[in-house]
Amino acid sequence: MGIIQYFYNKICARIKAPKIIADRSELFRLEVTKVHRKRWGDSWYRAGVVVTNDKGEFLLVEELRTRRNGVWYDSQDMWNIPAGSCREDEQFVDAAVREAHEELGRGVKLEGICAIKHGKHNDDPCLLVVFAAELTNEVFEFDHQEIKSQHWFSERKIYDLHRQGKLRSPDLVLQTIINYKRGLIMPLEIINESYSG
């Protein structure tokens, strides 16, 4: 082995490789979600909110970090609806309200279900419920370790963000907006969970 190869190997050994999650097939053989979450982290179940104002704009969050193929990256100018994983034994409605507190720094009143996405999130099986929500007067400190900022965008501007590759979950964001604009909002009673909001 040459001297250059020797030092190259030494340097590579000291560099921490990003965590890459390669095999997800085991997820389908785990007995309970607790085991899955202990092993893999995120819940299979996620909840989010779509919030509009009287100008017809949508409130999106700019995320500090995104995960692609199991690897976390710092991000710049990447936008999404406020959403995240349900905690253990947390209902969708409670997770949606909590995510609004954490990512928007605002309270919300859930009005109905605007979109349901079944598929994958970061290579995990995923079921995500997006609620149409109205902001309340409650104000919280948003999570500065996860969210950089929030901003109101017109529908046209959101499509501009999409063309520029600046939407983290473009299919979800665009479908949610389409559903909302068409009035496709299911009543909360359709989900078998209690909600006191």
N, C-alpha and C. Protein backbone atom coordinates (compact mmCIF):
# COMPACT_ATOMS: atom_id res chain seq x y z
N MET A 1 0.85 -1.17 0.00
CA MET A 1 0.00 0.00 0.00
C MET A 1 0.90 1.23 0.00
N GLY A 2 0.56 2.19 -0.86
CA GLY A 2 1.34 3.41 -0.95
C GLY A 2 1.06 4.34 0.23
N ILE A 3 1.93 5.31 0.41
CA ILE A 3 1.81 6.26 1.51
C ILE A 3 0.54 7.10 1.40
N ILE A 4 0.18 7.47 0.18
CA ILE A 4 -1.04 8.27 -0.01
C ILE A 4 -2.27 7.45 0.39
N GLN A 5 -2.32 6.19 -0.05
CA GLN A 5 -3.44 5.32 0.31
C GLN A 5 -3.51 5.11 1.81
N TYR A 6 -2.34 4.97 2.47
CA TYR A 6 -2.28 4.77 3.92
C TYR A 6 -2.93 5.95 4.64
N PHE A 7 -2.53 7.19 4.28
CA PHE A 7 -3.08 8.37 4.95
C PHE A 7 -4.55 8.59 4.58
N TYR A 8 -4.91 8.27 3.36
CA TYR A 8 -6.30 8.37 2.94
C TYR A 8 -7.17 7.46 3.81
N ASN A 9 -6.74 6.22 4.03
CA ASN A 9 -7.48 5.28 4.87
C ASN A 9 -7.59 5.77 6.31
N LYS A 10 -6.49 6.38 6.83
CA LYS A 10 -6.49 6.90 8.20
C LYS A 10 -7.51 8.04 8.34
N ILE A 11 -7.50 8.94 7.36
CA ILE A 11 -8.43 10.07 7.41
C ILE A 11 -9.87 9.58 7.31
N CYS A 12 -10.14 8.68 6.40
CA CYS A 12 -11.50 8.16 6.23
C CYS A 12 -11.99 7.46 7.49
N ALA A 13 -11.10 6.80 8.21
CA ALA A 13 -11.48 6.09 9.44
C ALA A 13 -11.91 7.07 10.52
N ARG A 14 -11.38 8.28 10.49
CA ARG A 14 -11.70 9.27 11.52
C ARG A 14 -12.96 10.08 11.21
N ILE A 15 -13.34 10.11 9.95
CA ILE A 15 -14.53 10.86 9.55
C ILE A 15 -15.76 10.04 9.92
N LYS A 16 -16.69 10.68 10.63
CA LYS A 16 -17.92 9.99 10.99
C LYS A 16 -18.86 9.97 9.79
N ALA A 17 -19.18 8.79 9.35
CA ALA A 17 -20.10 8.66 8.22
C ALA A 17 -21.52 8.97 8.68
N PRO A 18 -22.33 9.61 7.84
CA PRO A 18 -23.72 9.86 8.23
C PRO A 18 -24.46 8.55 8.41
N LYS A 19 -25.45 8.56 9.30
CA LYS A 19 -26.24 7.36 9.54
C LYS A 19 -27.12 7.09 8.32
N ILE A 20 -26.91 5.99 7.69
CA ILE A 20 -27.71 5.60 6.53
C ILE A 20 -28.53 4.38 6.90
N ILE A 21 -29.81 4.48 6.71
CA ILE A 21 -30.70 3.38 7.04
C ILE A 21 -30.96 2.61 5.75
N ALA A 22 -30.41 1.43 5.66
CA ALA A 22 -30.44 0.71 4.41
C ALA A 22 -31.63 -0.24 4.29
N ASP A 23 -31.87 -1.06 5.30
CA ASP A 23 -32.86 -2.12 5.16
C ASP A 23 -34.09 -1.81 6.01
N ARG A 24 -35.22 -1.57 5.35
CA ARG A 24 -36.47 -1.28 6.07
C ARG A 24 -37.41 -2.48 6.07
N SER A 25 -37.05 -3.56 5.41
CA SER A 25 -37.98 -4.68 5.32
C SER A 25 -38.29 -5.25 6.69
N GLU A 26 -37.37 -5.10 7.64
CA GLU A 26 -37.59 -5.64 8.98
C GLU A 26 -38.76 -4.94 9.68
N LEU A 27 -39.06 -3.71 9.28
CA LEU A 27 -40.15 -2.97 9.92
C LEU A 27 -41.46 -3.74 9.88
N PHE A 28 -41.70 -4.44 8.80
CA PHE A 28 -42.96 -5.12 8.63
C PHE A 28 -43.05 -6.40 9.46
N ARG A 29 -41.93 -6.83 10.06
CA ARG A 29 -41.94 -8.03 10.88
C ARG A 29 -41.93 -7.71 12.38
N LEU A 30 -41.82 -6.42 12.75
CA LEU A 30 -41.80 -6.06 14.16
C LEU A 30 -43.20 -6.20 14.75
N GLU A 31 -43.25 -6.65 16.01
CA GLU A 31 -44.55 -6.94 16.61
C GLU A 31 -45.32 -5.70 17.01
N VAL A 32 -44.65 -4.70 17.55
CA VAL A 32 -45.38 -3.52 18.04
C VAL A 32 -44.64 -2.25 17.67
N THR A 33 -45.38 -1.17 17.67
CA THR A 33 -44.80 0.13 17.32
C THR A 33 -43.70 0.52 18.29
N LYS A 34 -43.81 0.15 19.58
CA LYS A 34 -42.78 0.50 20.56
C LYS A 34 -41.42 -0.05 20.13
N VAL A 35 -41.41 -1.29 19.65
CA VAL A 35 -40.16 -1.89 19.19
C VAL A 35 -39.65 -1.14 17.97
N HIS A 36 -40.55 -0.84 17.05
CA HIS A 36 -40.18 -0.08 15.85
C HIS A 36 -39.55 1.25 16.22
N ARG A 37 -40.19 1.98 17.14
CA ARG A 37 -39.70 3.32 17.48
C ARG A 37 -38.39 3.26 18.24
N LYS A 38 -38.23 2.23 19.07
CA LYS A 38 -36.95 2.08 19.78
C LYS A 38 -35.83 1.81 18.79
N ARG A 39 -36.14 1.04 17.77
CA ARG A 39 -35.12 0.65 16.79
C ARG A 39 -34.87 1.73 15.76
N TRP A 40 -35.98 2.35 15.25
CA TRP A 40 -35.85 3.23 14.10
C TRP A 40 -36.13 4.70 14.38
N GLY A 41 -36.77 5.02 15.50
CA GLY A 41 -37.00 6.44 15.79
C GLY A 41 -38.39 6.90 15.46
N ASP A 42 -38.59 7.49 14.30
CA ASP A 42 -39.85 8.13 13.96
C ASP A 42 -41.03 7.16 13.98
N SER A 43 -42.19 7.73 14.30
CA SER A 43 -43.43 6.96 14.26
C SER A 43 -43.86 6.76 12.81
N TRP A 44 -44.59 5.71 12.57
CA TRP A 44 -45.19 5.52 11.25
C TRP A 44 -46.33 6.52 11.03
N TYR A 45 -46.86 7.07 12.10
CA TYR A 45 -48.04 7.92 12.02
C TYR A 45 -47.62 9.38 12.18
N ARG A 46 -48.17 10.23 11.31
CA ARG A 46 -47.79 11.64 11.31
C ARG A 46 -49.05 12.50 11.18
N ALA A 47 -48.94 13.74 11.63
CA ALA A 47 -50.07 14.66 11.54
C ALA A 47 -49.55 16.05 11.21
N GLY A 48 -50.38 16.82 10.52
CA GLY A 48 -50.00 18.17 10.16
C GLY A 48 -51.22 19.06 10.04
N VAL A 49 -50.96 20.34 9.77
CA VAL A 49 -52.05 21.30 9.62
C VAL A 49 -51.82 22.16 8.39
N VAL A 50 -52.91 22.57 7.76
CA VAL A 50 -52.88 23.57 6.72
C VAL A 50 -53.65 24.77 7.26
N VAL A 51 -53.00 25.93 7.24
CA VAL A 51 -53.57 27.14 7.82
C VAL A 51 -53.61 28.22 6.72
N THR A 52 -54.73 28.91 6.61
CA THR A 52 -54.86 29.99 5.63
C THR A 52 -55.27 31.28 6.34
N ASN A 53 -55.09 32.39 5.64
CA ASN A 53 -55.56 33.67 6.18
C ASN A 53 -56.66 34.23 5.27
N ASP A 54 -57.15 35.41 5.61
CA ASP A 54 -58.26 35.97 4.82
C ASP A 54 -57.84 36.47 3.44
N LYS A 55 -56.54 36.46 3.14
CA LYS A 55 -56.05 36.80 1.81
C LYS A 55 -55.94 35.56 0.92
N GLY A 56 -56.26 34.38 1.49
CA GLY A 56 -56.12 33.14 0.74
C GLY A 56 -54.70 32.61 0.70
N GLU A 57 -53.83 33.10 1.59
CA GLU A 57 -52.44 32.63 1.65
C GLU A 57 -52.34 31.45 2.61
N PHE A 58 -51.29 30.67 2.42
CA PHE A 58 -51.05 29.48 3.23
C PHE A 58 -49.80 29.69 4.08
N LEU A 59 -49.84 29.23 5.33
CA LEU A 59 -48.72 29.40 6.25
C LEU A 59 -47.82 28.17 6.18
N LEU A 60 -46.59 28.38 5.70
CA LEU A 60 -45.60 27.30 5.61
C LEU A 60 -44.45 27.58 6.57
N VAL A 61 -43.71 26.52 6.89
CA VAL A 61 -42.55 26.65 7.77
C VAL A 61 -41.28 26.35 6.98
N GLU A 62 -40.22 27.09 7.32
CA GLU A 62 -38.90 26.85 6.73
C GLU A 62 -38.14 25.96 7.69
N GLU A 63 -37.77 24.78 7.23
CA GLU A 63 -37.13 23.80 8.09
C GLU A 63 -35.61 23.97 8.10
N LEU A 64 -35.02 23.76 9.27
CA LEU A 64 -33.56 23.87 9.41
C LEU A 64 -32.84 22.65 8.87
N ARG A 65 -33.48 21.48 9.00
CA ARG A 65 -32.85 20.24 8.56
C ARG A 65 -33.86 19.39 7.83
N THR A 66 -33.37 18.64 6.85
CA THR A 66 -34.22 17.67 6.16
C THR A 66 -33.48 16.35 6.10
N ARG A 67 -34.23 15.28 5.94
CA ARG A 67 -33.63 13.95 5.87
C ARG A 67 -33.96 13.34 4.53
N ARG A 68 -32.93 12.87 3.85
CA ARG A 68 -33.09 12.18 2.58
C ARG A 68 -32.34 10.86 2.64
N ASN A 69 -33.04 9.78 2.32
CA ASN A 69 -32.44 8.45 2.32
C ASN A 69 -31.78 8.12 3.65
N GLY A 70 -32.44 8.54 4.76
CA GLY A 70 -31.94 8.20 6.08
C GLY A 70 -30.82 9.09 6.59
N VAL A 71 -30.43 10.13 5.83
CA VAL A 71 -29.33 11.00 6.22
C VAL A 71 -29.88 12.41 6.45
N TRP A 72 -29.50 13.02 7.59
CA TRP A 72 -29.92 14.39 7.90
C TRP A 72 -28.97 15.39 7.26
N TYR A 73 -29.54 16.45 6.68
CA TYR A 73 -28.77 17.52 6.07
C TYR A 73 -29.28 18.86 6.58
N ASP A 74 -28.38 19.83 6.73
CA ASP A 74 -28.82 21.20 6.97
C ASP A 74 -29.48 21.68 5.68
N SER A 75 -30.56 22.45 5.82
CA SER A 75 -31.25 22.90 4.62
C SER A 75 -31.38 24.42 4.63
N GLN A 76 -31.52 24.97 3.45
CA GLN A 76 -31.73 26.40 3.26
C GLN A 76 -32.93 26.59 2.37
N ASP A 77 -33.84 27.44 2.80
CA ASP A 77 -34.97 27.82 1.96
C ASP A 77 -35.79 26.60 1.51
N MET A 78 -36.04 25.66 2.44
CA MET A 78 -36.90 24.52 2.18
C MET A 78 -38.17 24.67 3.00
N TRP A 79 -39.32 24.57 2.35
CA TRP A 79 -40.60 24.89 2.98
C TRP A 79 -41.52 23.68 3.00
N ASN A 80 -42.39 23.64 4.03
CA ASN A 80 -43.31 22.53 4.19
C ASN A 80 -44.51 23.01 5.01
N ILE A 81 -45.56 22.21 5.02
CA ILE A 81 -46.64 22.50 5.97
C ILE A 81 -46.16 22.04 7.34
N PRO A 82 -46.67 22.62 8.42
CA PRO A 82 -46.30 22.16 9.75
C PRO A 82 -46.79 20.72 9.95
N ALA A 83 -45.86 19.81 10.21
CA ALA A 83 -46.23 18.40 10.37
C ALA A 83 -45.11 17.66 11.07
N GLY A 84 -45.46 16.53 11.66
CA GLY A 84 -44.44 15.71 12.30
C GLY A 84 -45.01 14.40 12.81
N SER A 85 -44.17 13.63 13.44
CA SER A 85 -44.53 12.30 13.92
C SER A 85 -45.41 12.37 15.16
N CYS A 86 -46.35 11.42 15.23
CA CYS A 86 -47.13 11.25 16.45
C CYS A 86 -46.23 10.61 17.51
N ARG A 87 -46.38 11.05 18.73
CA ARG A 87 -45.67 10.40 19.83
C ARG A 87 -46.38 9.11 20.18
N GLU A 88 -45.73 8.29 20.97
CA GLU A 88 -46.32 7.02 21.35
C GLU A 88 -47.66 7.25 22.03
N ASP A 89 -48.68 6.54 21.58
CA ASP A 89 -50.04 6.61 22.12
C ASP A 89 -50.69 7.99 21.93
N GLU A 90 -50.17 8.83 21.03
CA GLU A 90 -50.75 10.14 20.77
C GLU A 90 -51.70 10.04 19.58
N GLN A 91 -52.87 10.62 19.71
CA GLN A 91 -53.84 10.60 18.62
C GLN A 91 -53.44 11.62 17.55
N PHE A 92 -53.94 11.43 16.33
CA PHE A 92 -53.64 12.34 15.23
C PHE A 92 -54.01 13.78 15.58
N VAL A 93 -55.21 13.97 16.17
CA VAL A 93 -55.66 15.33 16.46
C VAL A 93 -54.74 16.02 17.46
N ASP A 94 -54.31 15.28 18.47
CA ASP A 94 -53.41 15.85 19.48
C ASP A 94 -52.04 16.16 18.87
N ALA A 95 -51.57 15.28 18.01
CA ALA A 95 -50.27 15.51 17.36
C ALA A 95 -50.32 16.74 16.45
N ALA A 96 -51.43 16.92 15.74
CA ALA A 96 -51.56 18.08 14.85
C ALA A 96 -51.50 19.39 15.65
N VAL A 97 -52.21 19.44 16.77
CA VAL A 97 -52.21 20.64 17.61
C VAL A 97 -50.81 20.87 18.18
N ARG A 98 -50.16 19.81 18.65
CA ARG A 98 -48.81 19.94 19.20
C ARG A 98 -47.82 20.41 18.15
N GLU A 99 -47.90 19.87 16.95
CA GLU A 99 -46.98 20.28 15.89
C GLU A 99 -47.17 21.76 15.54
N ALA A 100 -48.41 22.23 15.56
CA ALA A 100 -48.66 23.66 15.32
C ALA A 100 -48.01 24.50 16.41
N HIS A 101 -48.13 24.05 17.66
CA HIS A 101 -47.46 24.77 18.76
C HIS A 101 -45.96 24.81 18.54
N GLU A 102 -45.38 23.65 18.20
CA GLU A 102 -43.92 23.54 18.08
C GLU A 102 -43.36 24.24 16.85
N GLU A 103 -44.06 24.15 15.73
CA GLU A 103 -43.49 24.66 14.48
C GLU A 103 -43.98 26.06 14.12
N LEU A 104 -45.19 26.40 14.56
CA LEU A 104 -45.72 27.74 14.26
C LEU A 104 -45.62 28.68 15.45
N GLY A 105 -45.56 28.10 16.65
CA GLY A 105 -45.61 28.92 17.84
C GLY A 105 -46.99 29.50 18.06
N ARG A 106 -48.01 28.82 17.55
CA ARG A 106 -49.39 29.31 17.64
C ARG A 106 -50.33 28.17 18.01
N GLY A 107 -51.42 28.53 18.66
CA GLY A 107 -52.48 27.58 18.89
C GLY A 107 -53.35 27.47 17.65
N VAL A 108 -54.02 26.34 17.49
CA VAL A 108 -54.91 26.15 16.35
C VAL A 108 -56.21 25.50 16.80
N LYS A 109 -57.25 25.76 16.03
CA LYS A 109 -58.52 25.06 16.17
C LYS A 109 -58.70 24.23 14.91
N LEU A 110 -58.79 22.91 15.07
CA LEU A 110 -58.94 22.03 13.91
C LEU A 110 -60.36 22.12 13.37
N GLU A 111 -60.47 22.23 12.04
CA GLU A 111 -61.77 22.39 11.40
C GLU A 111 -62.22 21.15 10.64
N GLY A 112 -61.28 20.33 10.20
CA GLY A 112 -61.63 19.14 9.44
C GLY A 112 -60.36 18.50 8.89
N ILE A 113 -60.55 17.41 8.16
CA ILE A 113 -59.43 16.68 7.55
C ILE A 113 -59.34 17.09 6.09
N CYS A 114 -58.16 17.57 5.70
CA CYS A 114 -57.98 18.10 4.35
C CYS A 114 -57.24 17.14 3.42
N ALA A 115 -56.40 16.30 3.98
CA ALA A 115 -55.64 15.35 3.14
C ALA A 115 -55.18 14.18 3.99
N ILE A 116 -55.09 13.03 3.34
CA ILE A 116 -54.53 11.84 3.98
C ILE A 116 -53.51 11.27 3.00
N LYS A 117 -52.29 11.07 3.50
CA LYS A 117 -51.24 10.53 2.65
C LYS A 117 -50.80 9.19 3.21
N HIS A 118 -50.83 8.19 2.36
CA HIS A 118 -50.33 6.87 2.73
C HIS A 118 -49.20 6.54 1.79
N GLY A 119 -48.06 6.27 2.33
CA GLY A 119 -46.91 5.97 1.48
C GLY A 119 -45.67 5.84 2.31
N LYS A 120 -44.64 6.58 1.93
CA LYS A 120 -43.38 6.53 2.66
C LYS A 120 -42.93 7.93 3.01
N HIS A 121 -42.28 8.03 4.16
CA HIS A 121 -41.65 9.27 4.60
C HIS A 121 -40.25 8.89 5.05
N ASN A 122 -39.24 9.44 4.38
CA ASN A 122 -37.85 9.07 4.69
C ASN A 122 -37.66 7.55 4.65
N ASP A 123 -38.28 6.90 3.68
CA ASP A 123 -38.20 5.45 3.48
C ASP A 123 -38.95 4.64 4.54
N ASP A 124 -39.66 5.30 5.45
CA ASP A 124 -40.49 4.59 6.42
C ASP A 124 -41.91 4.48 5.88
N PRO A 125 -42.62 3.39 6.23
CA PRO A 125 -44.06 3.38 5.95
C PRO A 125 -44.69 4.54 6.70
N CYS A 126 -45.68 5.19 6.11
CA CYS A 126 -46.19 6.42 6.71
C CYS A 126 -47.68 6.58 6.44
N LEU A 127 -48.41 7.01 7.45
CA LEU A 127 -49.78 7.46 7.29
C LEU A 127 -49.85 8.84 7.91
N LEU A 128 -50.13 9.85 7.08
CA LEU A 128 -50.16 11.23 7.53
C LEU A 128 -51.54 11.82 7.31
N VAL A 129 -52.07 12.45 8.36
CA VAL A 129 -53.37 13.12 8.27
C VAL A 129 -53.12 14.62 8.40
N VAL A 130 -53.59 15.39 7.41
CA VAL A 130 -53.45 16.85 7.44
C VAL A 130 -54.81 17.46 7.76
N PHE A 131 -54.83 18.28 8.79
CA PHE A 131 -56.06 18.93 9.24
C PHE A 131 -56.10 20.38 8.76
N ALA A 132 -57.27 20.82 8.28
CA ALA A 132 -57.49 22.24 8.05
C ALA A 132 -57.63 22.86 9.43
N ALA A 133 -56.94 23.97 9.65
CA ALA A 133 -56.92 24.56 10.99
C ALA A 133 -56.99 26.08 10.91
N GLU A 134 -57.50 26.65 11.98
CA GLU A 134 -57.59 28.10 12.12
C GLU A 134 -56.71 28.50 13.30
N LEU A 135 -55.94 29.57 13.14
CA LEU A 135 -55.09 30.05 14.22
C LEU A 135 -55.95 30.62 15.35
N THR A 136 -55.52 30.38 16.58
CA THR A 136 -56.16 30.99 17.74
C THR A 136 -55.24 32.10 18.27
N ASN A 137 -55.63 32.71 19.35
CA ASN A 137 -54.82 33.78 19.94
C ASN A 137 -53.68 33.27 20.81
N GLU A 138 -53.62 31.94 21.03
CA GLU A 138 -52.53 31.38 21.84
C GLU A 138 -51.20 31.56 21.13
N VAL A 139 -50.19 31.98 21.88
CA VAL A 139 -48.85 32.16 21.31
C VAL A 139 -47.85 31.35 22.15
N PHE A 140 -46.97 30.63 21.48
CA PHE A 140 -45.95 29.81 22.12
C PHE A 140 -44.60 30.16 21.49
N GLU A 141 -43.55 29.69 22.10
CA GLU A 141 -42.22 29.80 21.48
C GLU A 141 -42.06 28.62 20.54
N PHE A 142 -41.82 28.88 19.26
CA PHE A 142 -41.67 27.75 18.34
C PHE A 142 -40.28 27.12 18.50
N ASP A 143 -40.13 25.92 17.99
CA ASP A 143 -38.90 25.14 18.15
C ASP A 143 -37.83 25.65 17.19
N HIS A 144 -36.90 26.44 17.70
CA HIS A 144 -35.85 27.04 16.87
C HIS A 144 -34.80 26.03 16.43
N GLN A 145 -34.79 24.84 17.02
CA GLN A 145 -33.84 23.81 16.60
C GLN A 145 -34.35 23.04 15.38
N GLU A 146 -35.63 23.20 15.11
CA GLU A 146 -36.24 22.48 13.99
C GLU A 146 -36.71 23.42 12.88
N ILE A 147 -37.20 24.59 13.28
CA ILE A 147 -37.82 25.52 12.35
C ILE A 147 -37.06 26.83 12.33
N LYS A 148 -36.78 27.31 11.13
CA LYS A 148 -36.08 28.59 10.97
C LYS A 148 -37.04 29.76 10.99
N SER A 149 -38.16 29.63 10.26
CA SER A 149 -39.13 30.72 10.19
C SER A 149 -40.46 30.20 9.66
N GLN A 150 -41.46 31.07 9.69
CA GLN A 150 -42.77 30.79 9.10
C GLN A 150 -43.09 31.95 8.16
N HIS A 151 -43.86 31.65 7.12
CA HIS A 151 -44.18 32.70 6.16
C HIS A 151 -45.49 32.37 5.45
N TRP A 152 -46.27 33.42 5.17
CA TRP A 152 -47.49 33.27 4.38
C TRP A 152 -47.14 33.32 2.90
N PHE A 153 -47.66 32.35 2.13
CA PHE A 153 -47.41 32.29 0.69
C PHE A 153 -48.74 32.20 -0.05
N SER A 154 -48.82 32.91 -1.17
CA SER A 154 -49.97 32.74 -2.06
C SER A 154 -49.83 31.39 -2.77
N GLU A 155 -50.95 30.91 -3.33
CA GLU A 155 -50.91 29.65 -4.07
C GLU A 155 -49.90 29.74 -5.22
N ARG A 156 -49.89 30.87 -5.93
CA ARG A 156 -48.95 31.05 -7.04
C ARG A 156 -47.50 30.97 -6.56
N LYS A 157 -47.20 31.60 -5.43
CA LYS A 157 -45.84 31.58 -4.89
C LYS A 157 -45.44 30.17 -4.47
N ILE A 158 -46.39 29.40 -3.95
CA ILE A 158 -46.08 28.02 -3.56
C ILE A 158 -45.72 27.20 -4.80
N TYR A 159 -46.43 27.43 -5.91
CA TYR A 159 -46.07 26.73 -7.15
C TYR A 159 -44.70 27.19 -7.65
N ASP A 160 -44.37 28.46 -7.43
CA ASP A 160 -43.01 28.94 -7.76
C ASP A 160 -41.96 28.22 -6.93
N LEU A 161 -42.24 28.05 -5.62
CA LEU A 161 -41.32 27.31 -4.75
C LEU A 161 -41.13 25.88 -5.26
N HIS A 162 -42.23 25.29 -5.71
CA HIS A 162 -42.16 23.92 -6.24
C HIS A 162 -41.26 23.86 -7.48
N ARG A 163 -41.44 24.80 -8.40
CA ARG A 163 -40.61 24.82 -9.62
C ARG A 163 -39.13 25.02 -9.28
N GLN A 164 -38.85 25.72 -8.18
CA GLN A 164 -37.47 25.97 -7.76
C GLN A 164 -36.91 24.85 -6.89
N GLY A 165 -37.72 23.80 -6.65
CA GLY A 165 -37.27 22.68 -5.81
C GLY A 165 -37.16 23.04 -4.34
N LYS A 166 -38.01 23.96 -3.87
CA LYS A 166 -37.91 24.44 -2.49
C LYS A 166 -39.04 23.96 -1.59
N LEU A 167 -39.80 22.96 -2.04
CA LEU A 167 -40.81 22.34 -1.19
C LEU A 167 -40.27 20.99 -0.73
N ARG A 168 -40.26 20.76 0.58
CA ARG A 168 -39.72 19.50 1.08
C ARG A 168 -40.60 18.32 0.69
N SER A 169 -41.89 18.47 0.80
CA SER A 169 -42.84 17.41 0.45
C SER A 169 -43.81 17.94 -0.60
N PRO A 170 -43.33 18.12 -1.83
CA PRO A 170 -44.16 18.81 -2.83
C PRO A 170 -45.50 18.14 -3.10
N ASP A 171 -45.53 16.82 -3.22
CA ASP A 171 -46.79 16.14 -3.51
C ASP A 171 -47.81 16.42 -2.41
N LEU A 172 -47.36 16.32 -1.17
CA LEU A 172 -48.26 16.55 -0.04
C LEU A 172 -48.73 18.00 0.02
N VAL A 173 -47.81 18.93 -0.08
CA VAL A 173 -48.17 20.35 0.01
C VAL A 173 -49.14 20.73 -1.10
N LEU A 174 -48.82 20.37 -2.34
CA LEU A 174 -49.67 20.76 -3.47
C LEU A 174 -51.04 20.09 -3.40
N GLN A 175 -51.09 18.80 -3.05
CA GLN A 175 -52.39 18.12 -2.96
C GLN A 175 -53.24 18.70 -1.84
N THR A 176 -52.59 19.05 -0.73
CA THR A 176 -53.33 19.66 0.38
C THR A 176 -53.94 20.99 -0.05
N ILE A 177 -53.17 21.79 -0.78
CA ILE A 177 -53.67 23.09 -1.25
C ILE A 177 -54.82 22.90 -2.24
N ILE A 178 -54.66 21.96 -3.16
CA ILE A 178 -55.73 21.67 -4.13
C ILE A 178 -57.00 21.26 -3.40
N ASN A 179 -56.87 20.33 -2.44
CA ASN A 179 -58.04 19.88 -1.68
C ASN A 179 -58.70 21.04 -0.94
N TYR A 180 -57.88 21.86 -0.30
CA TYR A 180 -58.41 22.98 0.47
C TYR A 180 -59.16 23.96 -0.44
N LYS A 181 -58.56 24.31 -1.57
CA LYS A 181 -59.19 25.26 -2.50
C LYS A 181 -60.51 24.71 -3.06
N ARG A 182 -60.58 23.39 -3.21
CA ARG A 182 -61.82 22.77 -3.72
C ARG A 182 -62.86 22.56 -2.62
N GLY A 183 -62.49 22.83 -1.39
CA GLY A 183 -63.41 22.61 -0.27
C GLY A 183 -63.52 21.16 0.14
N LEU A 184 -62.51 20.35 -0.21
CA LEU A 184 -62.53 18.93 0.15
C LEU A 184 -62.01 18.78 1.58
N ILE A 185 -62.87 19.10 2.53
CA ILE A 185 -62.52 19.02 3.94
C ILE A 185 -63.55 18.13 4.62
N MET A 186 -63.09 16.98 5.12
CA MET A 186 -63.98 16.05 5.79
C MET A 186 -64.17 16.48 7.24
N PRO A 187 -65.36 16.26 7.78
CA PRO A 187 -65.59 16.63 9.18
C PRO A 187 -64.70 15.82 10.12
N LEU A 188 -64.37 16.41 11.25
CA LEU A 188 -63.51 15.73 12.22
C LEU A 188 -64.12 14.43 12.73
N GLU A 189 -65.45 14.35 12.71
CA GLU A 189 -66.13 13.16 13.23
C GLU A 189 -65.80 11.91 12.42
N ILE A 190 -65.24 12.08 11.22
CA ILE A 190 -64.94 10.92 10.39
C ILE A 190 -63.77 10.11 10.95
N ILE A 191 -62.95 10.77 11.78
CA ILE A 191 -61.83 10.06 12.38
C ILE A 191 -62.26 9.60 13.77
N ASN A 192 -61.91 8.40 14.12
CA ASN A 192 -62.36 7.80 15.38
C ASN A 192 -61.46 8.24 16.52
N GLU A 193 -61.42 9.54 16.77
CA GLU A 193 -60.63 10.10 17.87
C GLU A 193 -61.43 11.23 18.50
N SER A 194 -61.18 11.46 19.77
CA SER A 194 -61.87 12.56 20.45
C SER A 194 -61.06 13.84 20.30
N TYR A 195 -61.76 14.94 20.16
CA TYR A 195 -61.11 16.25 20.01
C TYR A 195 -61.96 17.28 20.73
N SER A 196 -61.34 18.01 21.63
CA SER A 196 -62.09 18.97 22.43
C SER A 196 -61.93 20.41 21.96
N GLY A 197 -61.03 20.64 20.95
CA GLY A 197 -60.69 21.99 20.49
C GLY A 197 -61.88 22.76 20.06
